[in-house]
């Protein structure tokens, strides 16, 4: 239900109150966006523990910067950008990677869209896809995840990662090409 409220429109009243220092209003914004921010963090840092730290730090950064929020972009867009920047900061600081199951990132196929055999094949491919994704550089993996998992437009990706649309398209092309190379043979039955 809260998710529907967020998708229908931005809670401008809460944003305006939070800009004026209203902690309760900001707390409501956190409640509305915490799942979205955490999910993005998990997809970027690939570690649920680290993603929790990233999400918390992103909201702290947002609270501190709230008076400066101009409203040029939607609050959710602004939070995504803060989350992406915070994720890169935490990853650089931590400089270690743990693999989490890709099924946390890719939803289970619905029985109505895939037959059981295809669903089983898709589930068995998840560890290999996860391994291949982790071999991509952070900057390329971010573009691939934002485009292919979240379905963001090239313009949204460019804006969030502070790169040009062309650079985003190049990274996406390189990422997909590298994933195809890394997964080559797997579809033919190779382990």
Protein backbone atom coordinates (compact mmCIF):
# COMPACT_ATOMS: atom_id res chain seq x y z
CA UNK A 1 0.00 0.00 0.00
CA UNK A 2 2.81 2.43 0.87
CA UNK A 3 4.52 1.51 -2.39
CA UNK A 4 1.38 2.52 -4.31
CA UNK A 5 1.40 5.93 -2.61
CA UNK A 6 4.99 6.49 -3.68
CA UNK A 7 4.31 5.45 -7.28
CA UNK A 8 1.22 7.66 -7.61
CA UNK A 9 3.12 10.78 -6.71
CA UNK A 10 5.80 12.27 -4.60
CA UNK A 11 4.83 13.20 -1.04
CA UNK A 12 5.63 16.89 -1.56
CA UNK A 13 4.22 17.99 1.77
CA UNK A 14 6.57 15.62 3.62
CA UNK A 15 9.51 16.79 1.51
CA UNK A 16 8.77 20.44 2.22
CA UNK A 17 8.37 19.82 5.95
CA UNK A 18 11.59 17.78 6.05
CA UNK A 19 13.44 20.59 4.26
CA UNK A 20 12.42 22.84 7.15
CA UNK A 21 13.91 20.41 9.68
CA UNK A 22 10.81 18.38 10.59
CA UNK A 23 12.26 15.04 11.80
CA UNK A 24 8.86 13.33 11.84
CA UNK A 25 8.26 14.22 8.19
CA UNK A 26 11.70 12.90 7.27
CA UNK A 27 10.96 9.75 9.28
CA UNK A 28 7.86 9.24 7.15
CA UNK A 29 9.96 9.69 3.99
CA UNK A 30 12.38 7.07 5.30
CA UNK A 31 9.47 4.70 5.91
CA UNK A 32 8.18 5.28 2.38
CA UNK A 33 11.53 4.81 0.65
CA UNK A 34 13.51 2.46 2.88
CA UNK A 35 12.69 -0.68 0.90
CA UNK A 36 13.53 0.98 -2.41
CA UNK A 37 16.83 2.38 -1.10
CA UNK A 38 17.83 -0.91 0.52
CA UNK A 39 16.98 -2.91 -2.61
CA UNK A 40 19.07 -0.59 -4.77
CA UNK A 41 21.94 -0.82 -2.28
CA UNK A 42 21.81 -4.64 -2.32
CA UNK A 43 21.89 -4.67 -6.10
CA UNK A 44 24.89 -2.36 -6.17
CA UNK A 45 27.06 -3.75 -3.37
CA UNK A 46 25.84 -7.37 -3.51
CA UNK A 47 26.03 -7.78 0.26
CA UNK A 48 22.95 -7.48 2.46
CA UNK A 49 24.92 -6.47 5.56
CA UNK A 50 26.80 -3.78 3.68
CA UNK A 51 23.58 -2.73 1.93
CA UNK A 52 22.00 -2.06 5.32
CA UNK A 53 24.92 0.21 6.19
CA UNK A 54 24.68 1.91 2.80
CA UNK A 55 20.95 2.53 3.17
CA UNK A 56 21.33 3.93 6.68
CA UNK A 57 24.23 6.17 5.63
CA UNK A 58 22.30 7.32 2.54
CA UNK A 59 19.39 8.47 4.70
CA UNK A 60 21.77 10.21 7.12
CA UNK A 61 23.38 12.01 4.19
CA UNK A 62 19.94 12.90 2.83
CA UNK A 63 18.83 14.31 6.19
CA UNK A 64 21.94 16.48 6.41
CA UNK A 65 21.49 17.70 2.82
CA UNK A 66 17.71 18.10 3.05
CA UNK A 67 17.78 21.91 3.40
CA UNK A 68 19.75 22.05 0.13
CA UNK A 69 17.29 19.85 -1.78
CA UNK A 70 16.08 22.13 -4.56
CA UNK A 71 13.38 19.89 -5.94
CA UNK A 72 14.77 19.95 -9.50
CA UNK A 73 14.36 16.18 -9.48
CA UNK A 74 11.90 13.97 -7.63
CA UNK A 75 12.82 13.08 -4.06
CA UNK A 76 13.07 9.40 -5.06
CA UNK A 77 15.52 10.26 -7.84
CA UNK A 78 17.59 12.32 -5.42
CA UNK A 79 17.62 9.42 -2.94
CA UNK A 80 18.72 7.01 -5.67
CA UNK A 81 21.65 9.22 -6.52
CA UNK A 82 22.67 9.54 -2.87
CA UNK A 83 22.37 5.76 -2.51
CA UNK A 84 24.55 5.09 -5.56
CA UNK A 85 27.23 7.50 -4.33
CA UNK A 86 27.09 6.06 -0.82
CA UNK A 87 27.36 2.52 -2.18
CA UNK A 88 30.54 3.35 -4.08
CA UNK A 89 32.02 5.02 -1.01
CA UNK A 90 31.28 1.99 1.17
CA UNK A 91 32.57 -0.48 -1.42
CA UNK A 92 35.81 1.42 -1.79
CA UNK A 93 36.20 1.56 1.99
CA UNK A 94 35.42 -2.07 2.54
CA UNK A 95 37.22 -3.32 -0.59
CA UNK A 96 36.05 -6.88 -0.22
CA UNK A 97 33.31 -8.79 -1.96
CA UNK A 98 31.01 -11.52 -0.72
CA UNK A 99 28.60 -13.25 -3.04
CA UNK A 100 24.92 -13.19 -2.22
CA UNK A 101 22.38 -15.23 -4.12
CA UNK A 102 21.24 -13.64 -7.35
CA UNK A 103 17.69 -14.67 -6.51
CA UNK A 104 17.67 -11.69 -4.13
CA UNK A 105 18.14 -9.55 -7.22
CA UNK A 106 16.07 -11.44 -9.82
CA UNK A 107 12.52 -12.39 -8.88
CA UNK A 108 11.46 -15.99 -9.12
CA UNK A 109 9.71 -16.77 -12.41
CA UNK A 110 5.94 -16.94 -12.17
CA UNK A 111 4.38 -20.29 -12.93
CA UNK A 112 2.02 -18.59 -15.35
CA UNK A 113 4.89 -17.27 -17.51
CA UNK A 114 7.29 -20.24 -17.54
CA UNK A 115 6.79 -23.95 -17.56
CA UNK A 116 8.42 -25.87 -14.69
CA UNK A 117 11.32 -27.07 -16.86
CA UNK A 118 12.25 -23.51 -17.92
CA UNK A 119 11.82 -22.30 -14.35
CA UNK A 120 14.24 -25.01 -13.17
CA UNK A 121 16.73 -24.09 -15.88
CA UNK A 122 16.51 -20.42 -14.93
CA UNK A 123 17.04 -21.20 -11.24
CA UNK A 124 20.06 -23.39 -11.95
CA UNK A 125 21.64 -20.59 -14.01
CA UNK A 126 21.49 -18.04 -11.17
CA UNK A 127 24.83 -18.94 -9.53
CA UNK A 128 26.64 -18.73 -12.87
CA UNK A 129 24.99 -15.39 -13.72
CA UNK A 130 25.87 -14.09 -10.25
CA UNK A 131 29.47 -15.14 -10.68
CA UNK A 132 29.63 -13.46 -14.09
CA UNK A 133 28.10 -10.23 -12.77
CA UNK A 134 30.66 -10.07 -9.97
CA UNK A 135 33.47 -10.22 -12.54
CA UNK A 136 32.28 -6.94 -14.09
CA UNK A 137 33.80 -3.72 -12.83
CA UNK A 138 31.65 -1.72 -10.42
CA UNK A 139 30.94 1.00 -12.97
CA UNK A 140 29.88 -1.45 -15.68
CA UNK A 141 27.90 -3.68 -13.30
CA UNK A 142 25.98 -0.63 -12.02
CA UNK A 143 24.84 0.26 -15.55
CA UNK A 144 23.88 -3.35 -16.36
CA UNK A 145 21.91 -3.74 -13.12
CA UNK A 146 20.14 -0.39 -13.43
CA UNK A 147 19.20 -1.04 -17.08
CA UNK A 148 18.54 -4.78 -17.21
CA UNK A 149 17.17 -5.39 -13.71
CA UNK A 150 15.52 -2.06 -12.88
CA UNK A 151 14.62 -1.12 -16.45
CA UNK A 152 15.89 2.45 -16.12
CA UNK A 153 16.26 4.56 -19.23
CA UNK A 154 19.68 5.57 -20.49
CA UNK A 155 18.98 9.15 -19.41
CA UNK A 156 18.08 8.07 -15.86
CA UNK A 157 21.23 5.97 -15.61
CA UNK A 158 23.38 8.81 -16.89
CA UNK A 159 21.83 11.22 -14.42
CA UNK A 160 22.19 8.89 -11.43
CA UNK A 161 25.77 7.87 -12.18
CA UNK A 162 26.78 11.36 -13.30
CA UNK A 163 27.97 10.16 -16.69
CA UNK A 164 26.91 10.97 -20.23
CA UNK A 165 24.20 8.93 -21.94
CA UNK A 166 26.81 7.81 -24.45
CA UNK A 167 29.14 6.60 -21.69
CA UNK A 168 26.24 4.68 -20.16
CA UNK A 169 25.41 3.02 -23.46
CA UNK A 170 29.05 2.10 -23.98
CA UNK A 171 29.26 0.58 -20.49
CA UNK A 172 26.02 -1.32 -21.04
CA UNK A 173 27.29 -2.67 -24.37
CA UNK A 174 30.61 -3.70 -22.80
CA UNK A 175 28.87 -5.26 -19.82
CA UNK A 176 26.45 -7.29 -21.93
CA UNK A 177 29.27 -8.36 -24.25
CA UNK A 178 31.41 -9.42 -21.31
CA UNK A 179 28.49 -11.29 -19.73
CA UNK A 180 27.84 -13.12 -23.00
CA UNK A 181 31.52 -14.07 -23.12
CA UNK A 182 31.55 -15.19 -19.49
CA UNK A 183 28.35 -17.20 -19.92
CA UNK A 184 29.32 -18.60 -23.35
CA UNK A 185 29.05 -22.36 -23.30
CA UNK A 186 26.93 -22.40 -20.17
CA UNK A 187 23.72 -22.43 -22.22
CA UNK A 188 25.11 -25.30 -24.27
CA UNK A 189 25.23 -27.43 -21.15
CA UNK A 190 28.76 -26.62 -20.01
CA UNK A 191 29.08 -26.18 -16.23
